[in-house]
Amino acid sequence: MDPSSQTGKRVGATLPVPGTLTCMTTLKAKLQEDLTTAIKARDELHSSTLRLTLAAITKEEVAGKEARVLSDEEVLKVIAKEAKKRREAADAFAQGGRPEQAARESAEGEFLDTYLPRQLSDEELAGIVAEAVEEARSAGAEGPRAMGAVMKIVTPKVAGLAEGGRVAAAVKQALS
């Protein structure tokens, strides 16, 4: 006899609990739709990349004391972090003499870059940094020691549009 018939309830049925994570950000939903499309197309590179990225997003959602739904901005940060990991891994594999693995990691990084906003060009970044250096100098900061003050001005302006390493290098160059 089926145990579910005795209680009148379906065994294993789960209903959403009020206050739990049920809604999804639009970017995360797009990633899941693209994953479904990649799986149907039997595109192994894109499907595995999207799976790993969605796993990283889920890990970020459940990190900390309480589970939460990430905003699109937070999802973009996770995607950017994953893309950076792929670029660094591609460099490591290339230096380690494994060009086929380096090519795969590079392709995964380029694919993830399609979900990110356009990065600032070097000229655009240099212009923003020059403005920030002038602003910091007018506030009394001079020389290489002004880097912290300039970075405080530049970082909010370029958040998500340039990697921190590129920004720091541009600031250092402008101050020297």
N, C-alpha and C. Protein backbone atom coordinates (compact mmCIF):
# COMPACT_ATOMS: atom_id res chain seq x y z
N MET A 1 0.83 -1.17 0.00
CA MET A 1 0.00 0.00 0.00
C MET A 1 0.88 1.24 0.00
N ASP A 2 0.47 2.23 -0.75
CA ASP A 2 1.22 3.47 -0.90
C ASP A 2 1.08 4.31 0.37
N PRO A 3 2.23 4.76 0.97
CA PRO A 3 2.15 5.54 2.19
C PRO A 3 1.41 6.86 2.00
N SER A 4 1.40 7.40 0.81
CA SER A 4 0.74 8.68 0.60
C SER A 4 -0.78 8.55 0.67
N SER A 5 -1.29 7.37 0.39
CA SER A 5 -2.74 7.20 0.42
C SER A 5 -3.27 7.16 1.85
N GLN A 6 -2.41 6.80 2.81
CA GLN A 6 -2.84 6.74 4.20
C GLN A 6 -3.04 8.13 4.81
N THR A 7 -2.16 9.07 4.46
CA THR A 7 -2.24 10.39 5.07
C THR A 7 -3.02 11.39 4.24
N GLY A 8 -3.22 11.07 2.99
CA GLY A 8 -3.93 11.98 2.11
C GLY A 8 -3.04 13.08 1.56
N LYS A 9 -1.73 12.97 1.83
CA LYS A 9 -0.78 13.96 1.32
C LYS A 9 0.20 13.29 0.38
N ARG A 10 0.71 14.05 -0.54
CA ARG A 10 1.73 13.52 -1.44
C ARG A 10 3.05 13.45 -0.71
N VAL A 11 3.73 12.32 -0.81
CA VAL A 11 5.04 12.17 -0.19
C VAL A 11 6.06 12.87 -1.07
N GLY A 12 6.92 13.64 -0.46
CA GLY A 12 8.00 14.29 -1.19
C GLY A 12 7.59 15.61 -1.84
N ALA A 13 6.35 16.03 -1.68
CA ALA A 13 5.94 17.30 -2.26
C ALA A 13 6.46 18.43 -1.40
N THR A 14 7.01 19.42 -2.04
CA THR A 14 7.50 20.57 -1.29
C THR A 14 6.78 21.81 -1.77
N LEU A 15 6.26 22.54 -0.84
CA LEU A 15 5.58 23.78 -1.15
C LEU A 15 6.48 24.93 -0.76
N PRO A 16 6.41 26.04 -1.47
CA PRO A 16 7.24 27.17 -1.08
C PRO A 16 6.83 27.69 0.28
N VAL A 17 7.82 27.93 1.11
CA VAL A 17 7.58 28.45 2.45
C VAL A 17 7.59 29.97 2.35
N PRO A 18 6.63 30.64 2.97
CA PRO A 18 6.62 32.11 2.91
C PRO A 18 7.94 32.68 3.41
N GLY A 19 8.46 33.68 2.70
CA GLY A 19 9.70 34.32 3.10
C GLY A 19 10.94 33.65 2.56
N THR A 20 10.79 32.58 1.77
CA THR A 20 11.96 31.92 1.21
C THR A 20 12.28 32.49 -0.15
N LEU A 21 13.38 32.03 -0.71
CA LEU A 21 13.84 32.53 -2.00
C LEU A 21 13.01 31.92 -3.12
N THR A 22 12.11 32.68 -3.67
CA THR A 22 11.31 32.16 -4.78
C THR A 22 11.47 33.01 -6.03
N CYS A 23 11.69 34.32 -5.89
CA CYS A 23 11.83 35.13 -7.09
C CYS A 23 13.31 35.16 -7.50
N MET A 24 13.52 35.40 -8.77
CA MET A 24 14.86 35.34 -9.32
C MET A 24 15.15 36.63 -10.06
N THR A 25 16.42 37.05 -10.05
CA THR A 25 16.77 38.25 -10.79
C THR A 25 16.68 37.98 -12.29
N THR A 26 16.53 39.04 -13.04
CA THR A 26 16.38 38.86 -14.49
C THR A 26 17.65 38.32 -15.12
N LEU A 27 18.82 38.74 -14.62
CA LEU A 27 20.07 38.26 -15.19
C LEU A 27 20.27 36.77 -14.88
N LYS A 28 19.95 36.37 -13.67
CA LYS A 28 20.07 34.95 -13.31
C LYS A 28 19.09 34.13 -14.14
N ALA A 29 17.89 34.64 -14.35
CA ALA A 29 16.90 33.94 -15.18
C ALA A 29 17.42 33.79 -16.61
N LYS A 30 18.06 34.85 -17.12
CA LYS A 30 18.63 34.79 -18.48
C LYS A 30 19.73 33.73 -18.55
N LEU A 31 20.56 33.66 -17.52
CA LEU A 31 21.61 32.64 -17.49
C LEU A 31 20.99 31.25 -17.52
N GLN A 32 19.92 31.04 -16.76
CA GLN A 32 19.29 29.73 -16.74
C GLN A 32 18.63 29.40 -18.07
N GLU A 33 18.02 30.40 -18.70
CA GLU A 33 17.44 30.18 -20.04
C GLU A 33 18.53 29.83 -21.04
N ASP A 34 19.65 30.54 -20.97
CA ASP A 34 20.76 30.26 -21.88
C ASP A 34 21.35 28.88 -21.61
N LEU A 35 21.36 28.46 -20.36
CA LEU A 35 21.83 27.12 -20.02
C LEU A 35 20.93 26.08 -20.68
N THR A 36 19.63 26.27 -20.58
CA THR A 36 18.68 25.34 -21.20
C THR A 36 18.91 25.27 -22.71
N THR A 37 19.08 26.43 -23.33
CA THR A 37 19.33 26.49 -24.77
C THR A 37 20.63 25.78 -25.13
N ALA A 38 21.69 26.01 -24.34
CA ALA A 38 22.98 25.37 -24.60
C ALA A 38 22.90 23.86 -24.44
N ILE A 39 22.15 23.40 -23.45
CA ILE A 39 22.00 21.95 -23.25
C ILE A 39 21.25 21.34 -24.42
N LYS A 40 20.17 22.00 -24.85
CA LYS A 40 19.40 21.49 -25.99
C LYS A 40 20.23 21.46 -27.26
N ALA A 41 21.13 22.44 -27.41
CA ALA A 41 21.98 22.50 -28.59
C ALA A 41 23.21 21.60 -28.44
N ARG A 42 23.34 20.96 -27.30
CA ARG A 42 24.48 20.09 -26.99
C ARG A 42 25.81 20.85 -27.09
N ASP A 43 25.78 22.09 -26.63
CA ASP A 43 26.97 22.94 -26.62
C ASP A 43 27.66 22.76 -25.27
N GLU A 44 28.65 21.90 -25.23
CA GLU A 44 29.28 21.51 -23.98
C GLU A 44 30.03 22.66 -23.33
N LEU A 45 30.72 23.47 -24.12
CA LEU A 45 31.50 24.59 -23.57
C LEU A 45 30.60 25.59 -22.85
N HIS A 46 29.55 26.03 -23.53
CA HIS A 46 28.65 27.02 -22.94
C HIS A 46 27.85 26.44 -21.77
N SER A 47 27.39 25.21 -21.91
CA SER A 47 26.58 24.63 -20.83
C SER A 47 27.42 24.42 -19.57
N SER A 48 28.65 23.95 -19.71
CA SER A 48 29.48 23.75 -18.51
C SER A 48 29.87 25.09 -17.89
N THR A 49 30.14 26.09 -18.72
CA THR A 49 30.48 27.42 -18.20
C THR A 49 29.30 28.02 -17.45
N LEU A 50 28.10 27.90 -18.02
CA LEU A 50 26.91 28.44 -17.35
C LEU A 50 26.59 27.69 -16.07
N ARG A 51 26.79 26.38 -16.08
CA ARG A 51 26.55 25.59 -14.86
C ARG A 51 27.46 26.06 -13.73
N LEU A 52 28.75 26.23 -14.04
CA LEU A 52 29.70 26.67 -13.02
C LEU A 52 29.37 28.08 -12.53
N THR A 53 28.96 28.94 -13.44
CA THR A 53 28.61 30.31 -13.06
C THR A 53 27.36 30.33 -12.19
N LEU A 54 26.35 29.57 -12.56
CA LEU A 54 25.13 29.51 -11.75
C LEU A 54 25.42 28.90 -10.38
N ALA A 55 26.34 27.94 -10.33
CA ALA A 55 26.73 27.36 -9.03
C ALA A 55 27.42 28.42 -8.17
N ALA A 56 28.26 29.25 -8.78
CA ALA A 56 28.93 30.32 -8.04
C ALA A 56 27.91 31.34 -7.53
N ILE A 57 26.89 31.64 -8.34
CA ILE A 57 25.84 32.57 -7.92
C ILE A 57 25.07 31.99 -6.74
N THR A 58 24.72 30.71 -6.83
CA THR A 58 23.99 30.05 -5.75
C THR A 58 24.84 30.02 -4.48
N LYS A 59 26.12 29.75 -4.63
CA LYS A 59 27.01 29.74 -3.47
C LYS A 59 27.04 31.10 -2.81
N GLU A 60 27.07 32.15 -3.61
CA GLU A 60 27.07 33.51 -3.07
C GLU A 60 25.74 33.82 -2.38
N GLU A 61 24.64 33.30 -2.92
CA GLU A 61 23.32 33.54 -2.33
C GLU A 61 23.19 32.91 -0.95
N VAL A 62 23.79 31.77 -0.75
CA VAL A 62 23.65 31.07 0.54
C VAL A 62 24.82 31.35 1.48
N ALA A 63 25.78 32.16 1.05
CA ALA A 63 26.91 32.50 1.92
C ALA A 63 26.42 33.46 3.00
N GLY A 64 27.04 33.38 4.14
CA GLY A 64 26.66 34.27 5.23
C GLY A 64 25.67 33.59 6.17
N LYS A 65 25.07 34.38 7.00
CA LYS A 65 24.17 33.85 8.02
C LYS A 65 22.79 33.52 7.49
N GLU A 66 22.38 34.24 6.42
CA GLU A 66 21.03 34.07 5.91
C GLU A 66 21.04 34.02 4.39
N ALA A 67 20.28 33.11 3.82
CA ALA A 67 20.18 33.01 2.37
C ALA A 67 19.44 34.23 1.83
N ARG A 68 19.83 34.69 0.64
CA ARG A 68 19.20 35.86 0.05
C ARG A 68 19.23 35.74 -1.46
N VAL A 69 18.46 36.57 -2.12
CA VAL A 69 18.46 36.63 -3.57
C VAL A 69 19.39 37.76 -3.98
N LEU A 70 20.32 37.47 -4.89
CA LEU A 70 21.25 38.49 -5.35
C LEU A 70 20.57 39.43 -6.33
N SER A 71 20.94 40.70 -6.27
CA SER A 71 20.46 41.66 -7.25
C SER A 71 21.24 41.46 -8.55
N ASP A 72 20.78 42.11 -9.62
CA ASP A 72 21.49 41.99 -10.89
C ASP A 72 22.93 42.51 -10.77
N GLU A 73 23.14 43.57 -9.98
CA GLU A 73 24.49 44.10 -9.81
C GLU A 73 25.39 43.08 -9.13
N GLU A 74 24.85 42.40 -8.12
CA GLU A 74 25.63 41.38 -7.41
C GLU A 74 25.91 40.19 -8.32
N VAL A 75 24.94 39.82 -9.15
CA VAL A 75 25.14 38.73 -10.11
C VAL A 75 26.24 39.12 -11.10
N LEU A 76 26.24 40.37 -11.54
CA LEU A 76 27.28 40.85 -12.45
C LEU A 76 28.66 40.75 -11.81
N LYS A 77 28.74 41.05 -10.51
CA LYS A 77 30.02 40.94 -9.80
C LYS A 77 30.50 39.50 -9.78
N VAL A 78 29.58 38.57 -9.55
CA VAL A 78 29.94 37.14 -9.53
C VAL A 78 30.41 36.71 -10.93
N ILE A 79 29.70 37.15 -11.97
CA ILE A 79 30.09 36.80 -13.34
C ILE A 79 31.47 37.38 -13.65
N ALA A 80 31.72 38.62 -13.24
CA ALA A 80 33.02 39.25 -13.46
C ALA A 80 34.13 38.47 -12.75
N LYS A 81 33.84 38.03 -11.52
CA LYS A 81 34.82 37.25 -10.76
C LYS A 81 35.12 35.92 -11.48
N GLU A 82 34.06 35.27 -11.98
CA GLU A 82 34.25 34.01 -12.70
C GLU A 82 35.03 34.23 -13.99
N ALA A 83 34.74 35.31 -14.72
CA ALA A 83 35.46 35.60 -15.96
C ALA A 83 36.94 35.85 -15.67
N LYS A 84 37.21 36.56 -14.58
CA LYS A 84 38.60 36.83 -14.20
C LYS A 84 39.32 35.53 -13.84
N LYS A 85 38.63 34.64 -13.15
CA LYS A 85 39.22 33.33 -12.82
C LYS A 85 39.62 32.59 -14.10
N ARG A 86 38.73 32.66 -15.11
CA ARG A 86 39.01 31.96 -16.38
C ARG A 86 40.23 32.56 -17.07
N ARG A 87 40.35 33.89 -17.07
CA ARG A 87 41.51 34.53 -17.71
C ARG A 87 42.79 34.16 -16.99
N GLU A 88 42.76 34.18 -15.66
CA GLU A 88 43.95 33.82 -14.88
C GLU A 88 44.32 32.36 -15.10
N ALA A 89 43.32 31.48 -15.16
CA ALA A 89 43.59 30.07 -15.40
C ALA A 89 44.17 29.87 -16.79
N ALA A 90 43.66 30.61 -17.78
CA ALA A 90 44.19 30.49 -19.14
C ALA A 90 45.66 30.89 -19.17
N ASP A 91 46.02 31.97 -18.46
CA ASP A 91 47.42 32.39 -18.39
C ASP A 91 48.27 31.31 -17.73
N ALA A 92 47.77 30.74 -16.64
CA ALA A 92 48.52 29.70 -15.92
C ALA A 92 48.72 28.47 -16.80
N PHE A 93 47.67 28.05 -17.51
CA PHE A 93 47.80 26.89 -18.38
C PHE A 93 48.76 27.17 -19.54
N ALA A 94 48.72 28.38 -20.07
CA ALA A 94 49.63 28.74 -21.17
C ALA A 94 51.08 28.71 -20.69
N GLN A 95 51.33 29.21 -19.50
CA GLN A 95 52.68 29.19 -18.94
C GLN A 95 53.11 27.77 -18.58
N GLY A 96 52.14 26.93 -18.26
CA GLY A 96 52.44 25.56 -17.88
C GLY A 96 52.56 24.61 -19.07
N GLY A 97 52.45 25.13 -20.27
CA GLY A 97 52.62 24.30 -21.46
C GLY A 97 51.39 23.46 -21.80
N ARG A 98 50.20 23.94 -21.46
CA ARG A 98 48.97 23.21 -21.79
C ARG A 98 48.07 24.11 -22.63
N PRO A 99 48.44 24.28 -23.90
CA PRO A 99 47.71 25.24 -24.75
C PRO A 99 46.25 24.87 -24.99
N GLU A 100 45.92 23.58 -25.04
CA GLU A 100 44.52 23.20 -25.29
C GLU A 100 43.62 23.58 -24.11
N GLN A 101 44.12 23.41 -22.88
CA GLN A 101 43.35 23.80 -21.70
C GLN A 101 43.29 25.33 -21.59
N ALA A 102 44.39 25.99 -21.97
CA ALA A 102 44.42 27.45 -21.95
C ALA A 102 43.40 28.01 -22.94
N ALA A 103 43.27 27.39 -24.09
CA ALA A 103 42.31 27.85 -25.09
C ALA A 103 40.88 27.68 -24.59
N ARG A 104 40.62 26.57 -23.91
CA ARG A 104 39.27 26.35 -23.37
C ARG A 104 38.93 27.39 -22.30
N GLU A 105 39.85 27.61 -21.37
CA GLU A 105 39.62 28.59 -20.31
C GLU A 105 39.43 29.99 -20.91
N SER A 106 40.22 30.31 -21.91
CA SER A 106 40.10 31.61 -22.57
C SER A 106 38.73 31.75 -23.25
N ALA A 107 38.27 30.67 -23.90
CA ALA A 107 36.96 30.69 -24.56
C ALA A 107 35.84 30.86 -23.52
N GLU A 108 35.98 30.20 -22.37
CA GLU A 108 34.98 30.35 -21.31
C GLU A 108 34.96 31.79 -20.80
N GLY A 109 36.14 32.39 -20.61
CA GLY A 109 36.22 33.77 -20.15
C GLY A 109 35.59 34.74 -21.14
N GLU A 110 35.85 34.52 -22.43
CA GLU A 110 35.27 35.38 -23.46
C GLU A 110 33.75 35.23 -23.50
N PHE A 111 33.26 34.01 -23.30
CA PHE A 111 31.82 33.78 -23.28
C PHE A 111 31.18 34.51 -22.10
N LEU A 112 31.80 34.44 -20.93
CA LEU A 112 31.25 35.14 -19.76
C LEU A 112 31.30 36.65 -19.95
N ASP A 113 32.29 37.14 -20.69
CA ASP A 113 32.39 38.58 -20.94
C ASP A 113 31.18 39.11 -21.70
N THR A 114 30.48 38.25 -22.45
CA THR A 114 29.31 38.70 -23.20
C THR A 114 28.17 39.12 -22.26
N TYR A 115 28.19 38.66 -21.02
CA TYR A 115 27.15 39.01 -20.05
C TYR A 115 27.50 40.28 -19.27
N LEU A 116 28.74 40.72 -19.39
CA LEU A 116 29.21 41.88 -18.63
C LEU A 116 29.05 43.16 -19.43
N PRO A 117 28.91 44.30 -18.75
CA PRO A 117 28.85 45.57 -19.48
C PRO A 117 30.19 45.84 -20.16
N ARG A 118 30.15 46.68 -21.18
CA ARG A 118 31.36 47.01 -21.93
C ARG A 118 32.38 47.64 -20.98
N GLN A 119 33.62 47.18 -21.06
CA GLN A 119 34.69 47.70 -20.23
C GLN A 119 35.17 49.04 -20.78
N LEU A 120 35.65 49.91 -19.90
CA LEU A 120 36.18 51.19 -20.33
C LEU A 120 37.45 50.99 -21.14
N SER A 121 37.63 51.80 -22.17
CA SER A 121 38.88 51.75 -22.93
C SER A 121 39.97 52.40 -22.09
N ASP A 122 41.21 52.21 -22.48
CA ASP A 122 42.33 52.80 -21.74
C ASP A 122 42.24 54.33 -21.74
N GLU A 123 41.78 54.91 -22.87
CA GLU A 123 41.67 56.37 -22.97
C GLU A 123 40.58 56.89 -22.03
N GLU A 124 39.43 56.21 -22.01
CA GLU A 124 38.34 56.63 -21.12
C GLU A 124 38.77 56.53 -19.65
N LEU A 125 39.45 55.43 -19.31
CA LEU A 125 39.93 55.23 -17.95
C LEU A 125 40.94 56.31 -17.58
N ALA A 126 41.86 56.63 -18.51
CA ALA A 126 42.87 57.65 -18.25
C ALA A 126 42.21 59.01 -18.01
N GLY A 127 41.15 59.32 -18.74
CA GLY A 127 40.43 60.58 -18.56
C GLY A 127 39.79 60.67 -17.18
N ILE A 128 39.14 59.60 -16.75
CA ILE A 128 38.51 59.57 -15.42
C ILE A 128 39.57 59.70 -14.33
N VAL A 129 40.71 59.00 -14.52
CA VAL A 129 41.79 59.05 -13.53
C VAL A 129 42.38 60.45 -13.48
N ALA A 130 42.57 61.10 -14.63
CA ALA A 130 43.14 62.46 -14.66
C ALA A 130 42.24 63.43 -13.89
N GLU A 131 40.91 63.32 -14.08
CA GLU A 131 39.99 64.17 -13.34
C GLU A 131 40.11 63.94 -11.84
N ALA A 132 40.21 62.65 -11.45
CA ALA A 132 40.31 62.31 -10.03
C ALA A 132 41.62 62.80 -9.43
N VAL A 133 42.72 62.74 -10.21
CA VAL A 133 44.01 63.22 -9.72
C VAL A 133 43.93 64.73 -9.47
N GLU A 134 43.32 65.47 -10.40
CA GLU A 134 43.16 66.92 -10.21
C GLU A 134 42.31 67.22 -8.97
N GLU A 135 41.24 66.45 -8.81
CA GLU A 135 40.37 66.63 -7.65
C GLU A 135 41.12 66.36 -6.35
N ALA A 136 41.95 65.30 -6.34
CA ALA A 136 42.73 64.96 -5.14
C ALA A 136 43.79 66.02 -4.87
N ARG A 137 44.41 66.52 -5.94
CA ARG A 137 45.44 67.56 -5.76
C ARG A 137 44.82 68.84 -5.21
N SER A 138 43.61 69.17 -5.66
CA SER A 138 42.95 70.37 -5.14
C SER A 138 42.59 70.21 -3.67
N ALA A 139 42.48 68.95 -3.24
CA ALA A 139 42.19 68.67 -1.82
C ALA A 139 43.47 68.57 -1.00
N GLY A 140 44.64 68.70 -1.67
CA GLY A 140 45.91 68.71 -0.95
C GLY A 140 46.73 67.44 -1.05
N ALA A 141 46.27 66.43 -1.77
CA ALA A 141 47.03 65.18 -1.89
C ALA A 141 48.05 65.33 -3.02
N GLU A 142 49.29 64.95 -2.78
CA GLU A 142 50.36 65.08 -3.77
C GLU A 142 51.19 63.81 -3.86
N GLY A 143 51.76 63.56 -5.04
CA GLY A 143 52.72 62.48 -5.24
C GLY A 143 52.12 61.09 -5.10
N PRO A 144 53.01 60.10 -5.04
CA PRO A 144 52.56 58.70 -4.96
C PRO A 144 51.73 58.39 -3.72
N ARG A 145 51.88 59.19 -2.66
CA ARG A 145 51.10 58.95 -1.44
C ARG A 145 49.63 59.31 -1.62
N ALA A 146 49.31 59.97 -2.72
CA ALA A 146 47.92 60.36 -2.98
C ALA A 146 47.12 59.22 -3.61
N MET A 147 47.75 58.09 -3.83
CA MET A 147 47.08 56.98 -4.52
C MET A 147 45.78 56.57 -3.83
N GLY A 148 45.80 56.47 -2.51
CA GLY A 148 44.59 56.08 -1.78
C GLY A 148 43.46 57.07 -1.99
N ALA A 149 43.78 58.36 -1.93
CA ALA A 149 42.76 59.39 -2.12
C ALA A 149 42.19 59.34 -3.53
N VAL A 150 43.06 59.15 -4.52
CA VAL A 150 42.61 59.09 -5.92
C VAL A 150 41.77 57.83 -6.14
N MET A 151 42.19 56.71 -5.58
CA MET A 151 41.44 55.45 -5.75
C MET A 151 40.04 55.58 -5.13
N LYS A 152 39.91 56.29 -4.01
CA LYS A 152 38.60 56.49 -3.39
C LYS A 152 37.67 57.28 -4.30
N ILE A 153 38.24 58.18 -5.09
CA ILE A 153 37.44 58.98 -6.02
C ILE A 153 37.09 58.17 -7.26
N VAL A 154 38.07 57.42 -7.78
CA VAL A 154 37.90 56.72 -9.06
C VAL A 154 37.04 55.47 -8.92
N THR A 155 37.22 54.70 -7.87
CA THR A 155 36.57 53.39 -7.75
C THR A 155 35.06 53.44 -7.93
N PRO A 156 34.32 54.34 -7.28
CA PRO A 156 32.87 54.34 -7.50
C PRO A 156 32.48 54.71 -8.93
N LYS A 157 33.30 55.52 -9.60
CA LYS A 157 32.98 55.96 -10.96
C LYS A 157 33.15 54.83 -11.98
N VAL A 158 34.09 53.92 -11.72
CA VAL A 158 34.38 52.87 -12.71
C VAL A 158 33.94 51.49 -12.25
N ALA A 159 33.17 51.42 -11.17
CA ALA A 159 32.73 50.12 -10.63
C ALA A 159 32.03 49.30 -11.71
N GLY A 160 32.54 48.11 -11.95
CA GLY A 160 31.95 47.21 -12.93
C GLY A 160 32.38 47.50 -14.36
N LEU A 161 33.08 48.60 -14.58
CA LEU A 161 33.47 48.97 -15.94
C LEU A 161 34.97 48.79 -16.19
N ALA A 162 35.73 48.53 -15.13
CA ALA A 162 37.17 48.29 -15.27
C ALA A 162 37.63 47.48 -14.07
N GLU A 163 38.58 46.58 -14.30
CA GLU A 163 39.12 45.76 -13.22
C GLU A 163 39.99 46.62 -12.31
N GLY A 164 40.01 46.23 -11.05
CA GLY A 164 40.77 46.99 -10.06
C GLY A 164 42.24 47.12 -10.39
N GLY A 165 42.85 46.08 -10.95
CA GLY A 165 44.26 46.12 -11.31
C GLY A 165 44.54 47.15 -12.39
N ARG A 166 43.66 47.22 -13.38
CA ARG A 166 43.81 48.22 -14.45
C ARG A 166 43.69 49.62 -13.89
N VAL A 167 42.72 49.81 -12.98
CA VAL A 167 42.49 51.12 -12.39
C VAL A 167 43.71 51.54 -11.58
N ALA A 168 44.22 50.63 -10.74
CA ALA A 168 45.39 50.94 -9.91
C ALA A 168 46.60 51.29 -10.76
N ALA A 169 46.80 50.56 -11.86
CA ALA A 169 47.93 50.84 -12.75
C ALA A 169 47.79 52.21 -13.39
N ALA A 170 46.57 52.56 -13.80
CA ALA A 170 46.34 53.86 -14.42
C ALA A 170 46.57 54.99 -13.42
N VAL A 171 46.13 54.79 -12.18
CA VAL A 171 46.32 55.80 -11.14
C VAL A 171 47.80 55.97 -10.84
N LYS A 172 48.51 54.85 -10.73
CA LYS A 172 49.94 54.89 -10.44
C LYS A 172 50.69 55.64 -11.55
N GLN A 173 50.31 55.37 -12.80
CA GLN A 173 50.96 56.01 -13.94
C GLN A 173 50.65 57.52 -13.93
N ALA A 174 49.42 57.89 -13.60
CA ALA A 174 49.06 59.30 -13.60
C ALA A 174 49.76 60.07 -12.47
N LEU A 175 50.04 59.40 -11.38
CA LEU A 175 50.69 60.06 -10.24
C LEU A 175 52.19 60.15 -10.38
N SER A 176 52.78 59.32 -11.23
CA SER A 176 54.24 59.34 -11.34
C SER A 176 54.73 60.27 -12.44
